[in-house]
Each structure stands twice: as structure tokens, then as C-alpha cells.
């Protein structure tokens, strides 16, 4: 699974990939599943509203901050070795969460979950670039994208089901302990399969780069996650103002280290690949949908007075589309080539415009017609599912396999930053439009404005994707002419 190892035979590499996909499945599952458990956690542990926020934000922030480092560790020490290190840590963290005796013990477990999830999650995406031939990468990327759709479908419903069943009197603790049997099965069956696939020996660490990258991302992510809830205190603005200065210093540090013959965390030469910057900008706009899950839940529960469980079920058409979209990507790619990503994001844009119109045209306190709503949510999810695998290919396919872990971490971290920006900025617009009101008319109007903002951000990604698709088409034509 490295530059130094031969490509495994086909059955073995697909079996290896199936094991590694668990590392992509568990982190989003734990993000979705814990939301529905918060009321039960509050009732059992007596958590304050700020502690509830930290249960979510400690995981999200540390996961985003550690992704680049986690990806690079896979490049240096072998993706299999690092994957299992992360999986064992994630299992221990889930155990701590499941048996948490106080709010702070739960927060500590969630923080450890975020760190270990970031260590194991990039390894599956990196392995696509490292072990699969070009002919198999589209299918592998499609399965990688389908995992996120599956996690969103299962996570929305499983948490409520586990709490309702109250297995062995565990209540909310089951949403964390359910990770244990999954992880143990992967450890038992995965170690014999993956034990000889890691990189032999050890690479060089870049501790200075790791510290600078984590600090830079922390200064960006933490205020975006915590700032609005805290009323945007002075430290949040100071932190955001320091980000470009520290990022510039970090880049110069990595450049000097590369020039000196070292092994930087982020290799400047690899990051100068043509089109990579534009692809990362598309990724930055791609998860502008991140605020949608929070704001649509507010609309459903506060404007329409839908129960939390039924609100989760409303999201199922989105999850179904997100699951089917990646599976349809190879077929779309054969017909549309490099245009699949802008087409997918275009479907999302149209879906949000349609959703804004549907809610605006629906009388206050009345639920939108179920069939059009389900169709719009399905097409938003389907577009997201089409766009994700092709976006990952646009990013990871531009660097050498030796840096696949690095670029996988960067891609995943960019998507997390996109989510945090969406929640902070579009969520801020929603609550600004809402003002101090909480009536159905005000909530519906604020959500319509937020949906239009999401559509605008996605449309920026569509335009950028079209420019990359045109460039790829022109290069293909030039290559055929030169070959002739």
C-alpha cells in the first residue's frame, strides 16, 4: 500500500479497501447519530447547554484539525498500520463515551474520538490513489462516496431506534457502544488481510509542520464552531485574524524544510499541481450544505412542530439520494466525463432553489406537500452523491501516490472547514434574519434566505467545476491531435 510495495492482486486490494472503508464510515456515523441522543444525555448526566455544544464541537473541531496530520502519518508509516492505530483508539474512545460518568468524561471521550477518527479516516481515500489502477478508481471512489450516504441514512434513524429500544437499559450509551462490535470484527478479520500491506520501515516526521498545521486549523475551526454560540467574543475575532499570518508562516516553514531536503507535512511542490487550487476551492464550496441539516431541523421542529424522530425521517430521501448518487457515478462518468461534478453540484443548486420556492409558496404553519419535498431532498442528496466521488478524484488524482495520504487529509480537512464556514456564516445569516422572533412566518422566511445562500455557494462550485472540465476536455483533444 505504498510506493515501495507492488500493487496487490485484484481480489486482495478490494478486500483491503472494504476493511479500510470502515474508517470512512464510523466518523460520519458518529457525527449524525449523537445529535438525536443529546436530550437523553442531558436528562441522565445533567449537561448544560454549553456542555451539550462541546459534546458536538469537541469532536468536530479535533477531527478537522487532525485530518492532514492523520493522512500524512499514513504516507510515512503505512496506511494499514496507521488505520489500525486509529481504529483501536476510536474503539477505546467509544468505550469511554459509552461509560461516561460525567459531562466532562463524555466530552473527553468525544475529543479522543475526533483525534482517532482523523487518524483512520484518510487512509481509505489515500488507498484509492495508491493501490488501484486508473480503470478501477472510479468504482472505488463511488463506493467511498456511498459510504457517506449510508452513514447519513443510518445515523439519522439508528440513534433514535437504539434509544427507543433501550437495550439492556443502556439508553443513550448504546449510540457509542454500537461502535465496539463493528470495530472488533474489523480488527479480527482485517489484521490478517492488511498486516503485510503497510510500508516497510518508518518515514521522517515533521513535528514543526504538524504543530503549525494543527494550530492554524484550530485558530480557524474553533471560533467558527464556537463563535456564534458564544456571541462572537473578542478572542474569536483575534483568532480568525491570526489565521492568514500563521498560515503564511507555516507555508514558508514547509518550503524551507523541502529545500533543505526534509520531509514536510505539506509538500509545496505537490501542492503546486495544475488545477489543484481550483479543485480545493470547489471543495470549500461543496459542503456549504453543512448548515442545511441544522437549519432545516429548526424549520421542521419550531415552525411545523414536527417531533425529533419524524424530523429525522424527513431527511431519509436526502440520504437515499446520497447513497444512490455515488453508485450511479461510473455510469454518469462514461457519458459526461469530467462534467459529472458540475452536473452534480448543479442538481444540488436547482434542488435548493426549488426547496426555497416550495417553502415560500406554502402557507405559514403548513407542511410543504410531501411528494415535492421528498423529490427535492432526493435530488439534493443525489447531486451531492454524484459530486463527492468526482470531487475527490479531481483533488487526489493531481498528486503522486506517495503523497496520497497528505492530499486525502487536505481534501477531508477542506470539506470540514467548508462545513464549519457554512454553519457559522449561513447559520449566522439565518439567525440575523430571524432576529428575536420565533413564529412560523419568521422561521420560514429565514430558512428560505438560508437556502438561497446555500444555492449561491454551490453555484460558485459549479462555475469552477465547469472551468476545470473545459480544461480537461481541451487537454484531451490536444492529446489526441498530438498522438495523431
Protein backbone atom coordinates (compact mmCIF):
# COMPACT_ATOMS: atom_id res chain seq x y z
CA UNK A 1 0.00 0.00 0.00
CA UNK A 2 2.83 2.33 -0.59
CA UNK A 3 5.10 3.49 -3.24
CA UNK A 4 7.57 0.75 -2.27
CA UNK A 5 5.11 -2.15 -2.43
CA UNK A 6 3.73 -3.81 -5.56
CA UNK A 7 0.05 -3.33 -6.30
CA UNK A 8 -1.87 -6.17 -4.58
CA UNK A 9 -3.83 -8.61 -6.78
CA UNK A 10 -7.40 -7.54 -7.56
CA UNK A 11 -9.38 -9.66 -5.02
CA UNK A 12 -6.98 -8.73 -2.23
CA UNK A 13 -6.97 -4.99 -2.90
CA UNK A 14 -10.79 -4.86 -2.95
CA UNK A 15 -10.92 -6.82 0.31
CA UNK A 16 -8.33 -4.44 1.80
CA UNK A 17 -10.35 -1.48 0.62
CA UNK A 18 -13.55 -2.86 2.14
CA UNK A 19 -11.82 -3.03 5.53
CA UNK A 20 -10.45 0.50 5.20
CA UNK A 21 -13.89 1.86 4.27
CA UNK A 22 -14.94 1.26 7.87
CA UNK A 23 -12.59 4.12 8.72
CA UNK A 24 -14.66 6.33 6.43
CA UNK A 25 -18.00 5.05 7.76
CA UNK A 26 -17.61 5.38 11.53
CA UNK A 27 -16.68 9.12 11.76
CA UNK A 28 -19.74 10.50 9.88
CA UNK A 29 -21.97 7.90 11.56
CA UNK A 30 -20.90 9.17 14.97
CA UNK A 31 -21.47 12.75 13.86
CA UNK A 32 -25.08 12.06 12.79
CA UNK A 33 -26.04 9.55 15.47
CA UNK A 34 -25.11 11.62 18.52
CA UNK A 35 -27.39 14.56 17.68
CA UNK A 36 -30.57 12.64 18.43
CA UNK A 37 -29.12 11.42 21.75
CA UNK A 38 -28.46 14.89 23.23
CA UNK A 39 -31.82 15.24 25.06
CA UNK A 40 -31.32 11.83 26.72
CA UNK A 41 -27.74 12.72 27.65
CA UNK A 42 -28.94 15.96 29.21
CA UNK A 43 -31.56 14.13 31.26
CA UNK A 44 -29.12 11.48 32.51
CA UNK A 45 -25.90 13.46 33.09
CA UNK A 46 -27.47 16.87 33.70
CA UNK A 47 -25.38 18.54 30.99
CA UNK A 48 -25.74 22.28 30.49
CA UNK A 49 -26.43 23.74 27.04
CA UNK A 50 -22.75 24.73 26.74
CA UNK A 51 -21.66 21.18 27.63
CA UNK A 52 -24.04 19.77 25.00
CA UNK A 53 -22.45 22.08 22.45
CA UNK A 54 -19.00 20.82 23.48
CA UNK A 55 -20.10 17.19 23.00
CA UNK A 56 -20.59 18.10 19.33
CA UNK A 57 -17.88 20.71 18.83
CA UNK A 58 -15.02 18.88 20.59
CA UNK A 59 -15.42 16.01 18.13
CA UNK A 60 -15.91 18.21 15.06
CA UNK A 61 -13.04 20.59 15.84
CA UNK A 62 -10.39 17.99 16.66
CA UNK A 63 -11.44 15.82 13.73
CA UNK A 64 -10.98 18.73 11.31
CA UNK A 65 -7.71 19.88 12.89
CA UNK A 66 -6.07 16.43 12.84
CA UNK A 67 -7.02 15.22 9.34
CA UNK A 68 -3.94 16.48 7.49
CA UNK A 69 -1.62 15.01 10.10
CA UNK A 70 -3.56 11.73 10.05
CA UNK A 71 -3.28 11.48 6.28
CA UNK A 72 0.45 12.18 6.28
CA UNK A 73 1.08 9.62 9.03
CA UNK A 74 -0.36 7.01 6.66
CA UNK A 75 2.13 8.05 3.96
CA UNK A 76 5.05 7.77 6.38
CA UNK A 77 4.25 4.68 8.44
CA UNK A 78 1.92 2.68 6.21
CA UNK A 79 -1.82 3.14 5.83
CA UNK A 80 -2.69 -0.24 7.37
CA UNK A 81 -0.61 0.35 10.48
CA UNK A 82 -1.98 3.85 11.00
CA UNK A 83 -5.54 2.73 10.24
CA UNK A 84 -5.47 0.10 12.97
CA UNK A 85 -3.86 2.52 15.42
CA UNK A 86 -6.72 4.93 14.78
CA UNK A 87 -9.36 2.19 14.95
CA UNK A 88 -8.11 0.86 18.30
CA UNK A 89 -8.03 4.42 19.66
CA UNK A 90 -11.52 5.11 18.31
CA UNK A 91 -12.80 1.92 19.97
CA UNK A 92 -11.30 2.94 23.32
CA UNK A 93 -12.79 6.44 22.94
CA UNK A 94 -16.23 4.96 22.16
CA UNK A 95 -15.93 2.82 25.29
CA UNK A 96 -15.14 5.92 27.35
CA UNK A 97 -18.15 7.74 25.87
CA UNK A 98 -20.43 4.75 26.47
CA UNK A 99 -19.48 4.52 30.16
CA UNK A 100 -19.05 8.27 30.77
CA UNK A 101 -19.90 9.12 34.39
CA UNK A 102 -19.99 12.89 33.98
CA UNK A 103 -20.35 15.52 31.22
CA UNK A 104 -16.60 16.14 31.21
CA UNK A 105 -15.82 12.42 30.86
CA UNK A 106 -18.14 12.35 27.84
CA UNK A 107 -16.51 15.45 26.34
CA UNK A 108 -13.05 13.88 26.85
CA UNK A 109 -14.24 10.73 25.09
CA UNK A 110 -15.65 12.76 22.20
CA UNK A 111 -12.38 14.68 21.87
CA UNK A 112 -10.45 11.40 21.72
CA UNK A 113 -12.96 10.10 19.15
CA UNK A 114 -12.27 13.16 16.97
CA UNK A 115 -8.49 12.69 17.12
CA UNK A 116 -8.52 8.95 16.40
CA UNK A 117 -11.19 9.28 13.69
CA UNK A 118 -8.92 11.75 11.89
CA UNK A 119 -6.06 9.25 12.08
CA UNK A 120 -8.01 6.39 10.47
CA UNK A 121 -10.43 8.20 8.12
CA UNK A 122 -7.96 9.47 5.43
CA UNK A 123 -6.45 6.01 4.89
CA UNK A 124 -9.33 4.72 2.74
CA UNK A 125 -9.26 7.71 0.38
CA UNK A 126 -5.47 7.59 0.21
CA UNK A 127 -5.53 3.88 -0.65
CA UNK A 128 -7.65 4.58 -3.73
CA UNK A 129 -4.86 6.67 -5.20
CA UNK A 130 -2.12 4.32 -4.01
CA UNK A 131 -3.32 0.76 -4.77
CA UNK A 132 -5.94 0.98 -7.54
CA UNK A 133 -5.18 1.22 -11.27
CA UNK A 134 -6.88 4.03 -13.17
CA UNK A 135 -9.56 1.70 -14.55
CA UNK A 136 -10.76 0.79 -11.02
CA UNK A 137 -10.52 4.20 -9.34
CA UNK A 138 -13.98 5.47 -10.44
CA UNK A 139 -15.73 2.49 -8.84
CA UNK A 140 -13.60 2.74 -5.69
CA UNK A 141 -14.36 6.46 -5.38
CA UNK A 142 -18.05 5.76 -5.92
CA UNK A 143 -18.08 3.24 -3.07
CA UNK A 144 -16.18 5.73 -0.93
CA UNK A 145 -18.87 8.34 -1.59
CA UNK A 146 -21.68 5.83 -0.99
CA UNK A 147 -20.30 5.21 2.50
CA UNK A 148 -21.13 8.82 3.44
CA UNK A 149 -24.66 8.41 2.12
CA UNK A 150 -25.06 5.17 4.05
CA UNK A 151 -23.77 6.83 7.23
CA UNK A 152 -26.25 9.71 6.84
CA UNK A 153 -29.17 7.31 6.27
CA UNK A 154 -28.27 5.02 9.19
CA UNK A 155 -27.15 7.80 11.52
CA UNK A 156 -30.39 9.77 11.20
CA UNK A 157 -32.51 6.78 12.25
CA UNK A 158 -30.28 4.42 14.25
CA UNK A 159 -29.76 6.79 17.16
CA UNK A 160 -33.48 7.19 17.74
CA UNK A 161 -34.09 3.43 17.37
CA UNK A 162 -31.34 2.49 19.85
CA UNK A 163 -32.58 4.97 22.43
CA UNK A 164 -36.20 3.86 21.96
CA UNK A 165 -35.26 0.17 22.34
CA UNK A 166 -33.19 0.92 25.47
CA UNK A 167 -31.25 -2.33 25.06
CA UNK A 168 -30.11 -3.73 28.42
CA UNK A 169 -31.09 -0.41 29.97
CA UNK A 170 -28.22 1.35 28.18
CA UNK A 171 -30.34 4.23 26.83
CA UNK A 172 -28.21 6.85 25.04
CA UNK A 173 -25.00 4.95 25.81
CA UNK A 174 -25.87 2.45 23.06
CA UNK A 175 -25.19 5.06 20.34
CA UNK A 176 -21.50 4.95 21.33
CA UNK A 177 -21.19 1.28 22.34
CA UNK A 178 -22.59 0.16 18.96
CA UNK A 179 -19.16 1.03 17.54
CA UNK A 180 -17.49 -1.73 19.57
CA UNK A 181 -18.77 -4.87 17.77
CA UNK A 182 -18.13 -3.23 14.38
CA UNK A 183 -14.57 -2.31 15.35
CA UNK A 184 -13.83 -5.73 16.87
CA UNK A 185 -14.97 -7.54 13.71
CA UNK A 186 -12.73 -5.32 11.59
CA UNK A 187 -9.77 -5.91 13.90
CA UNK A 188 -10.24 -9.70 13.93
CA UNK A 189 -10.75 -10.09 10.17
CA UNK A 190 -8.72 -7.11 8.98
CA UNK A 191 -5.35 -7.67 10.64
CA UNK A 192 -4.57 -10.91 8.73
CA UNK A 193 -5.59 -9.20 5.50
CA UNK A 194 -3.73 -5.93 5.99
CA UNK A 195 -0.73 -6.92 8.09
CA UNK A 196 1.65 -7.17 5.10
CA UNK A 197 0.36 -4.15 3.21
CA UNK A 198 1.96 -1.38 5.23
CA UNK A 199 5.07 0.48 4.28
CA UNK A 200 8.24 -1.22 5.47
CA UNK A 201 10.25 0.89 7.89
CA UNK A 202 9.39 4.38 9.06
CA UNK A 203 9.47 7.76 7.38
CA UNK A 204 10.53 11.11 8.75
CA UNK A 205 8.15 13.10 10.87
CA UNK A 206 7.71 16.86 10.55
CA UNK A 207 6.76 17.78 14.13
CA UNK A 208 7.10 21.51 13.45
CA UNK A 209 4.77 21.30 10.46
CA UNK A 210 2.29 19.19 12.41
CA UNK A 211 2.13 21.69 15.25
CA UNK A 212 1.81 24.65 12.88
CA UNK A 213 -0.89 22.97 10.76
CA UNK A 214 -2.95 21.97 13.80
CA UNK A 215 -2.57 25.42 15.35
CA UNK A 216 -3.56 27.16 12.09
CA UNK A 217 -6.62 24.98 11.63
CA UNK A 218 -7.56 25.30 15.31
CA UNK A 219 -7.46 29.11 15.09
CA UNK A 220 -9.84 28.85 12.13
CA UNK A 221 -12.14 26.00 13.15
CA UNK A 222 -12.70 26.68 16.87
CA UNK A 223 -14.09 30.22 16.52
CA UNK A 224 -16.23 29.16 13.55
CA UNK A 225 -17.77 26.38 15.64
CA UNK A 226 -17.98 28.19 18.98
CA UNK A 227 -18.11 31.87 17.97
CA UNK A 228 -21.82 32.33 17.27
CA UNK A 229 -22.94 30.36 20.34
CA UNK A 230 -20.62 32.49 22.49
CA UNK A 231 -21.79 35.79 20.94
CA UNK A 232 -18.60 36.30 18.90
CA UNK A 233 -16.33 37.36 21.80
CA UNK A 234 -13.04 39.22 21.23
CA UNK A 235 -10.94 36.04 21.23
CA UNK A 236 -12.86 34.63 18.25
CA UNK A 237 -12.06 37.67 16.09
CA UNK A 238 -8.43 37.73 17.27
CA UNK A 239 -8.13 34.03 16.42
CA UNK A 240 -9.55 34.47 12.91
CA UNK A 241 -7.30 37.50 12.28
CA UNK A 242 -4.24 35.42 13.17
CA UNK A 243 -5.05 32.64 10.67
CA UNK A 244 -3.58 34.22 7.48
CA UNK A 245 -0.42 35.27 9.33
CA UNK A 246 0.16 31.82 10.81
CA UNK A 247 -0.76 30.12 7.52
CA UNK A 248 1.84 32.19 5.70
CA UNK A 249 4.49 31.32 8.28
CA UNK A 250 3.52 27.64 8.05
CA UNK A 251 3.88 27.68 4.25
CA UNK A 252 7.30 29.34 4.43
CA UNK A 253 8.40 26.83 7.07
CA UNK A 254 7.36 23.90 4.86
CA UNK A 255 9.05 25.43 1.80
CA UNK A 256 12.35 25.89 3.68
CA UNK A 257 12.15 22.33 5.01
CA UNK A 258 11.60 20.94 1.49
CA UNK A 259 14.51 22.99 0.13
CA UNK A 260 16.72 21.62 2.90
CA UNK A 261 15.92 18.04 1.84
CA UNK A 262 13.48 17.33 4.67
CA UNK A 263 10.07 15.63 4.57
CA UNK A 264 7.49 18.38 5.08
CA UNK A 265 3.97 17.61 6.25
CA UNK A 266 2.65 19.50 3.19
CA UNK A 267 4.97 19.20 0.22
CA UNK A 268 4.90 22.58 -1.60
CA UNK A 269 5.88 21.02 -4.95
CA UNK A 270 2.95 18.56 -4.81
CA UNK A 271 0.53 21.34 -3.88
CA UNK A 272 1.51 23.36 -6.95
CA UNK A 273 -0.04 20.74 -9.25
CA UNK A 274 -2.08 22.43 -12.04
CA UNK A 275 -5.73 22.83 -11.14
CA UNK A 276 -5.33 21.66 -7.54
CA UNK A 277 -6.02 25.09 -6.03
CA UNK A 278 -9.23 25.43 -8.04
CA UNK A 279 -10.33 21.91 -7.07
CA UNK A 280 -9.82 22.77 -3.39
CA UNK A 281 -11.92 25.91 -3.85
CA UNK A 282 -14.70 23.69 -5.21
CA UNK A 283 -14.34 21.54 -2.08
CA UNK A 284 -14.63 24.70 0.03
CA UNK A 285 -17.99 25.47 -1.57
CA UNK A 286 -19.15 21.83 -1.71
CA UNK A 287 -20.14 21.48 1.96
CA UNK A 288 -21.91 24.82 2.14
CA UNK A 289 -24.79 22.37 2.55
CA UNK A 290 -23.45 21.72 6.07
CA UNK A 291 -25.76 24.30 7.66
CA UNK A 292 -28.79 22.79 5.93
CA UNK A 293 -29.12 19.88 8.40
CA UNK A 294 -29.25 22.20 11.41
CA UNK A 295 -31.48 24.89 9.85
CA UNK A 296 -33.94 22.51 8.21
CA UNK A 297 -34.33 20.73 11.56
CA UNK A 298 -35.09 24.10 13.18
CA UNK A 299 -37.69 24.79 10.48
CA UNK A 300 -39.32 21.37 10.86
CA UNK A 301 -39.41 21.33 14.66
CA UNK A 302 -40.00 25.00 15.51
CA UNK A 303 -42.14 26.17 12.57
CA UNK A 304 -44.01 22.94 11.79
CA UNK A 305 -43.77 21.36 15.28
CA UNK A 306 -42.59 18.02 13.90
CA UNK A 307 -41.16 15.61 16.51
CA UNK A 308 -37.39 14.98 16.55
CA UNK A 309 -37.82 11.39 15.35
CA UNK A 310 -40.14 12.38 12.48
CA UNK A 311 -37.81 15.25 11.56
CA UNK A 312 -35.05 12.69 11.17
CA UNK A 313 -37.28 10.61 8.90
CA UNK A 314 -37.92 13.64 6.67
CA UNK A 315 -34.21 13.57 5.81
CA UNK A 316 -34.35 9.98 4.53
CA UNK A 317 -34.95 10.92 0.85
CA UNK A 318 -31.79 13.03 1.02
CA UNK A 319 -29.89 10.07 2.48
CA UNK A 320 -31.28 7.73 -0.16
CA UNK A 321 -30.15 10.10 -2.91
CA UNK A 322 -26.74 10.49 -1.29
CA UNK A 323 -26.41 6.70 -1.21
CA UNK A 324 -27.51 6.13 -4.83
CA UNK A 325 -25.63 9.10 -6.36
CA UNK A 326 -22.12 7.66 -5.90
CA UNK A 327 -23.26 4.26 -7.17
CA UNK A 328 -24.51 5.94 -10.36
CA UNK A 329 -21.30 7.96 -10.80
CA UNK A 330 -19.44 5.44 -13.04
CA UNK A 331 -22.39 5.37 -15.46
CA UNK A 332 -22.60 9.19 -15.50
CA UNK A 333 -18.84 9.42 -15.93
CA UNK A 334 -18.91 7.27 -19.06
CA UNK A 335 -21.40 9.68 -20.61
CA UNK A 336 -20.31 13.04 -19.19
CA UNK A 337 -16.61 12.59 -18.40
CA UNK A 338 -15.20 15.46 -16.35
CA UNK A 339 -18.58 17.24 -16.33
CA UNK A 340 -20.07 14.95 -13.67
CA UNK A 341 -19.01 17.15 -10.76
CA UNK A 342 -20.55 20.41 -12.05
CA UNK A 343 -23.67 18.47 -13.09
CA UNK A 344 -24.00 17.01 -9.58
CA UNK A 345 -23.50 20.38 -7.89
CA UNK A 346 -25.90 21.89 -10.43
CA UNK A 347 -28.56 19.40 -9.32
CA UNK A 348 -27.96 20.50 -5.73
CA UNK A 349 -28.24 24.16 -6.69
CA UNK A 350 -31.52 23.55 -8.51
CA UNK A 351 -32.77 21.49 -5.58
CA UNK A 352 -32.16 24.27 -3.08
CA UNK A 353 -33.75 26.85 -5.35
CA UNK A 354 -36.78 24.55 -5.65
CA UNK A 355 -36.85 23.99 -1.89
CA UNK A 356 -36.77 27.74 -1.23
CA UNK A 357 -39.64 28.26 -3.69
CA UNK A 358 -41.70 25.38 -2.22
CA UNK A 359 -41.43 26.68 1.35
CA UNK A 360 -42.03 30.29 0.31
CA UNK A 361 -45.18 29.23 -1.58
CA UNK A 362 -46.52 27.13 1.32
CA UNK A 363 -48.83 28.86 3.83
CA UNK A 364 -47.35 29.51 7.27
CA UNK A 365 -47.55 26.67 9.83
CA UNK A 366 -48.41 24.27 7.00
CA UNK A 367 -46.10 21.47 5.96
CA UNK A 368 -44.96 21.56 2.33
CA UNK A 369 -46.51 18.93 0.07
CA UNK A 370 -44.74 15.68 0.93
CA UNK A 371 -44.15 14.39 -2.62
CA UNK A 372 -42.43 17.55 -4.00
CA UNK A 373 -40.46 17.90 -0.75
CA UNK A 374 -39.24 14.30 -0.90
CA UNK A 375 -38.29 14.69 -4.59
CA UNK A 376 -36.33 17.88 -3.94
CA UNK A 377 -34.49 16.34 -0.98
CA UNK A 378 -33.71 13.23 -3.05
CA UNK A 379 -32.24 15.28 -5.91
CA UNK A 380 -30.18 17.38 -3.48
CA UNK A 381 -28.78 14.17 -1.98
CA UNK A 382 -28.31 12.58 -5.42
CA UNK A 383 -26.39 15.64 -6.64
CA UNK A 384 -24.25 15.57 -3.51
CA UNK A 385 -23.59 11.88 -4.10
CA UNK A 386 -22.64 12.46 -7.74
CA UNK A 387 -20.38 15.36 -6.87
CA UNK A 388 -18.40 13.85 -3.98
CA UNK A 389 -16.53 10.97 -5.71
CA UNK A 390 -15.69 13.11 -8.73
CA UNK A 391 -14.50 15.95 -6.47
CA UNK A 392 -12.21 13.55 -4.61
CA UNK A 393 -10.80 12.36 -7.95
CA UNK A 394 -10.28 15.96 -9.06
CA UNK A 395 -8.19 16.54 -5.93
CA UNK A 396 -6.36 13.29 -5.19
CA UNK A 397 -5.65 12.48 -8.84
CA UNK A 398 -3.42 15.53 -9.20
CA UNK A 399 -0.60 14.35 -6.90
CA UNK A 400 1.74 11.34 -6.91
CA UNK A 401 0.68 8.22 -4.93
CA UNK A 402 3.49 8.89 -2.43
CA UNK A 403 1.52 11.92 -1.25
CA UNK A 404 -1.94 10.32 -1.38
CA UNK A 405 -2.30 10.40 2.40
CA UNK A 406 -1.30 14.06 2.51
CA UNK A 407 -3.78 15.07 -0.19
CA UNK A 408 -6.53 12.87 1.31
CA UNK A 409 -6.06 14.70 4.61
CA UNK A 410 -6.13 18.08 2.88
CA UNK A 411 -9.28 17.19 0.93
CA UNK A 412 -11.09 15.92 4.02
CA UNK A 413 -9.94 18.88 6.10
CA UNK A 414 -11.13 21.33 3.43
CA UNK A 415 -14.58 19.72 3.50
CA UNK A 416 -14.67 20.07 7.29
CA UNK A 417 -13.67 23.75 7.02
CA UNK A 418 -16.43 24.16 4.42
CA UNK A 419 -18.96 22.71 6.88
CA UNK A 420 -17.77 24.96 9.71
CA UNK A 421 -17.88 28.05 7.45
CA UNK A 422 -21.39 27.13 6.31
CA UNK A 423 -22.70 26.71 9.85
CA UNK A 424 -21.03 29.94 11.01
CA UNK A 425 -21.83 32.20 8.04
CA UNK A 426 -25.12 30.86 6.63
CA UNK A 427 -26.30 29.94 10.12
CA UNK A 428 -25.43 33.48 11.17
CA UNK A 429 -27.47 34.89 8.28
CA UNK A 430 -30.41 32.67 9.29
CA UNK A 431 -30.41 33.89 12.89
CA UNK A 432 -29.84 37.51 11.81
CA UNK A 433 -32.88 37.39 9.52
CA UNK A 434 -34.83 35.62 12.27
CA UNK A 435 -33.98 38.34 14.78
CA UNK A 436 -35.70 37.80 18.12
CA UNK A 437 -38.79 36.20 16.57
CA UNK A 438 -39.69 32.51 16.77
CA UNK A 439 -43.01 32.38 14.92
CA UNK A 440 -43.54 30.10 11.87
CA UNK A 441 -43.57 33.02 9.41
CA UNK A 442 -40.20 34.35 10.57
CA UNK A 443 -38.60 30.90 10.69
CA UNK A 444 -39.87 30.00 7.21
CA UNK A 445 -38.60 33.29 5.78
CA UNK A 446 -35.19 32.89 7.44
CA UNK A 447 -34.85 29.35 6.09
CA UNK A 448 -35.74 30.46 2.56
CA UNK A 449 -32.96 33.09 2.74
CA UNK A 450 -30.51 30.46 4.04
CA UNK A 451 -31.47 28.01 1.25
CA UNK A 452 -30.80 30.71 -1.35
CA UNK A 453 -27.39 31.38 0.23
CA UNK A 454 -26.53 27.67 0.02
CA UNK A 455 -27.64 27.63 -3.63
CA UNK A 456 -25.37 30.61 -4.38
CA UNK A 457 -22.33 28.94 -2.77
CA UNK A 458 -22.97 25.72 -4.70
CA UNK A 459 -23.33 27.69 -7.94
CA UNK A 460 -19.81 29.09 -7.39
CA UNK A 461 -18.59 25.49 -7.24
CA UNK A 462 -20.50 24.71 -10.45
CA UNK A 463 -18.75 27.53 -12.30
CA UNK A 464 -15.31 26.49 -11.02
CA UNK A 465 -16.03 22.86 -11.93
CA UNK A 466 -17.00 23.86 -15.45
CA UNK A 467 -13.67 25.65 -15.94
CA UNK A 468 -11.76 22.52 -14.87
CA UNK A 469 -13.95 20.32 -17.08
CA UNK A 470 -13.28 22.58 -20.09
CA UNK A 471 -9.56 22.49 -19.37
CA UNK A 472 -9.59 18.66 -19.14
CA UNK A 473 -11.58 18.41 -22.39
CA UNK A 474 -9.17 20.74 -24.18
CA UNK A 475 -6.17 18.76 -22.93
CA UNK A 476 -7.78 15.51 -24.10
CA UNK A 477 -8.41 16.93 -27.59
CA UNK A 478 -4.85 18.29 -27.78
CA UNK A 479 -3.50 14.87 -26.70
CA UNK A 480 -5.46 13.09 -29.44
CA UNK A 481 -4.25 15.60 -32.05
CA UNK A 482 -0.65 15.21 -30.90
CA UNK A 483 -0.98 11.42 -30.97
CA UNK A 484 -2.38 11.51 -34.46
